Protein backbone atom coordinates (compact mmCIF):
# COMPACT_ATOMS: atom_id res chain seq x y z
CA MET A 1 5.01 167.70 134.33
CA ARG A 2 3.11 169.76 131.75
CA GLY A 3 0.35 167.19 131.69
CA ASP A 4 1.29 165.82 128.28
CA GLU A 5 0.28 162.29 127.44
CA VAL A 6 3.22 159.97 126.81
CA VAL A 7 2.86 157.15 124.31
CA LEU A 8 5.50 154.52 123.65
CA VAL A 9 5.21 153.65 119.94
CA THR A 10 7.61 150.79 119.28
CA GLY A 11 8.24 147.96 116.89
CA THR A 12 9.16 145.66 119.73
CA LEU A 13 6.71 142.99 120.81
CA ALA A 14 3.90 144.20 123.08
CA PRO A 15 4.86 142.02 126.09
CA VAL A 16 8.37 143.49 126.07
CA ALA A 17 7.02 147.00 125.52
CA GLU A 18 4.81 146.58 128.60
CA ILE A 19 7.89 145.78 130.69
CA VAL A 20 9.59 148.91 129.35
CA ARG A 21 6.45 150.95 130.07
CA SER A 22 6.39 149.76 133.68
CA ALA A 23 10.08 150.50 134.16
CA LEU A 24 9.70 153.97 132.67
CA GLU A 25 6.66 154.75 134.83
CA ARG A 26 8.61 153.66 137.94
CA GLU A 27 11.62 155.77 136.95
CA LEU A 28 9.43 158.82 136.41
CA LEU A 29 7.59 158.23 139.69
CA TRP A 30 10.95 158.04 141.45
CA ARG A 31 11.65 161.48 139.95
CA GLY A 32 8.31 162.80 141.20
CA VAL A 33 6.29 162.49 138.00
CA GLU A 34 3.27 160.23 138.27
CA ILE A 35 2.07 159.28 134.80
CA GLN A 36 0.37 156.46 132.94
CA ILE A 37 2.14 155.70 129.66
CA ALA A 38 0.19 154.26 126.75
CA VAL A 39 1.80 151.58 124.59
CA ILE A 40 1.39 150.98 120.88
CA ALA A 41 3.55 148.00 119.92
CA THR A 42 3.70 144.96 117.67
CA ARG A 43 1.06 142.56 118.91
CA LEU A 44 1.24 138.80 118.77
CA VAL A 45 -1.61 136.48 117.83
CA THR A 46 -2.81 134.48 120.81
CA ARG A 47 -4.68 131.21 120.67
CA ASP A 48 -5.89 129.36 123.75
CA GLY A 49 -3.95 131.78 125.96
CA CYS A 50 -0.64 131.18 124.14
CA TRP A 51 1.26 133.24 121.62
CA THR A 52 1.34 131.61 118.21
CA GLY A 53 4.47 133.40 116.99
CA SER A 54 2.48 135.27 114.34
CA VAL A 55 2.08 139.03 114.31
CA ASP A 56 -1.44 140.36 114.84
CA ASP A 57 -2.23 143.11 112.31
CA VAL A 58 0.84 144.99 111.04
CA PRO A 59 4.26 145.18 112.72
CA MET A 60 4.69 148.56 114.38
CA PHE A 61 7.54 150.07 112.39
CA GLY A 62 8.08 152.49 109.53
CA PRO A 63 4.86 153.90 108.08
CA ALA A 64 2.78 151.96 110.64
CA LYS A 65 4.26 154.10 113.44
CA ALA A 66 3.18 157.28 111.65
CA ALA A 67 -0.33 155.92 111.11
CA ALA A 68 -0.53 154.89 114.78
CA ALA A 69 0.57 158.36 115.91
CA ARG A 70 -2.02 160.04 113.69
CA GLU A 71 -4.76 157.67 114.87
CA PHE A 72 -3.84 158.09 118.55
CA ALA A 73 -3.75 161.89 118.28
CA SER A 74 -7.10 161.88 116.50
CA SER A 75 -8.62 159.67 119.21
CA ARG A 76 -7.56 162.29 121.78
CA ASN A 77 -8.74 165.26 119.64
CA VAL A 78 -5.17 166.53 119.39
CA PHE A 79 -3.67 167.93 116.24
CA VAL A 80 -0.72 165.77 115.19
CA SER A 81 1.07 169.03 114.40
CA GLN A 82 1.14 169.67 118.17
CA CYS A 83 2.68 166.26 118.95
CA PHE A 84 6.31 165.42 119.63
CA ALA A 85 8.08 162.26 118.49
CA TYR A 86 11.53 161.02 119.37
CA GLY A 87 13.42 158.50 117.27
CA ASP A 88 16.92 157.11 116.92
CA HIS A 89 16.79 155.01 113.73
CA GLU A 90 16.03 155.75 110.09
CA LEU A 91 12.91 153.56 110.39
CA ASP A 92 11.57 156.27 112.73
CA ARG A 93 11.61 158.82 109.92
CA TRP A 94 7.93 158.23 109.14
CA ILE A 95 6.70 158.98 112.66
CA LEU A 96 9.07 161.93 112.89
CA ALA A 97 7.72 163.30 109.61
CA ALA A 98 4.13 162.82 110.80
CA VAL A 99 4.35 165.09 113.86
CA GLY A 100 4.89 168.80 114.27
CA ASN A 101 7.84 168.42 116.64
CA PRO A 102 10.23 165.69 115.45
CA ILE A 103 13.39 165.07 117.46
CA ALA A 104 16.17 162.68 116.47
CA VAL A 105 17.83 161.44 119.66
CA ASN A 106 21.23 159.78 119.51
CA PRO A 107 20.46 159.17 115.84
CA THR A 108 22.14 156.65 113.61
CA PRO A 109 24.19 158.31 110.87
CA SER A 110 21.41 157.76 108.33
CA LEU A 111 18.73 159.31 110.59
CA ARG A 112 21.09 162.20 111.36
CA ARG A 113 21.33 162.93 107.61
CA ILE A 114 17.54 162.70 107.24
CA ALA A 115 17.06 165.00 110.25
CA PHE A 116 19.42 167.62 108.87
CA GLN A 117 17.77 167.44 105.42
CA ASN A 118 14.36 167.99 107.03
CA GLU A 119 15.62 170.55 109.58
CA TRP A 120 14.50 168.39 112.51
CA GLN A 121 15.97 168.92 115.94
CA VAL A 122 18.82 166.54 116.83
CA MET A 123 19.72 165.77 120.46
CA ASP A 124 22.54 163.79 122.01
CA TRP A 125 21.31 162.19 125.23
CA ARG A 126 24.26 159.87 125.76
CA SER A 127 25.24 160.12 129.39
CA ARG A 128 28.74 160.22 130.81
CA SER A 129 27.91 157.32 133.11
CA ALA A 130 27.32 155.13 130.07
CA ARG A 131 30.80 155.94 128.80
CA THR A 132 32.45 155.18 132.13
CA ALA A 133 30.59 151.87 132.45
CA GLY A 134 32.80 150.39 129.73
CA ARG A 135 35.91 151.62 131.49
CA SER A 136 34.79 150.05 134.77
CA HIS A 137 34.08 146.81 132.94
CA SER A 138 37.58 146.77 131.44
CA LEU A 139 39.10 147.14 134.92
CA LYS A 140 37.23 144.09 136.11
CA TRP A 141 38.20 142.22 132.96
CA LYS A 142 41.87 142.73 133.79
CA GLY A 143 41.29 141.14 137.16
CA GLU A 144 41.24 144.37 139.15
CA VAL A 145 38.49 144.95 141.66
CA ALA A 146 36.57 148.20 141.42
CA ARG A 147 35.64 149.55 144.87
C-alpha cells in the first residue's frame, strides 16, 4: 500500500515459488492491494524444454539470499539499508543481516537466539485459526462431524 516492491527470495525451486507468488498476489488483490511480486528462487537447468534435475547457478539459500537481495536492491537504485527482510529459519540470517530492517517471523529457536543477539525485531504471526484447525481435525478423527 506504500508502493514498496515485494520480492520473494526463497530456496525453493523456481516453479514452486511461482505458484506461491501467484497465490500471494491473488490474496493481496482480494484484500485490495494490486501488486506484482518478483521472485528470486533456486532455478533448475532445462534441456530440450525439460528440467534435468540439476540446479542452475547457486541454490538460493544462506549467503546466496543476501547476495541476491543486495543485487536486486542495487538494480533498483535502492540502498539495502532501506530494505526489509523477513525470515523464519537460521539459514535466513544472512539475508536478515544484509538489510537495514531485519524481522524474524515465527522464528525457529536458533533464529530467535540470533535475532536477540543482533537486536533484530521478532514477530509472532501465528494465527488463532491455525491453532483451532488441529482441534477441528481431532474432532473428525474421533468420528464426530464438525458442522
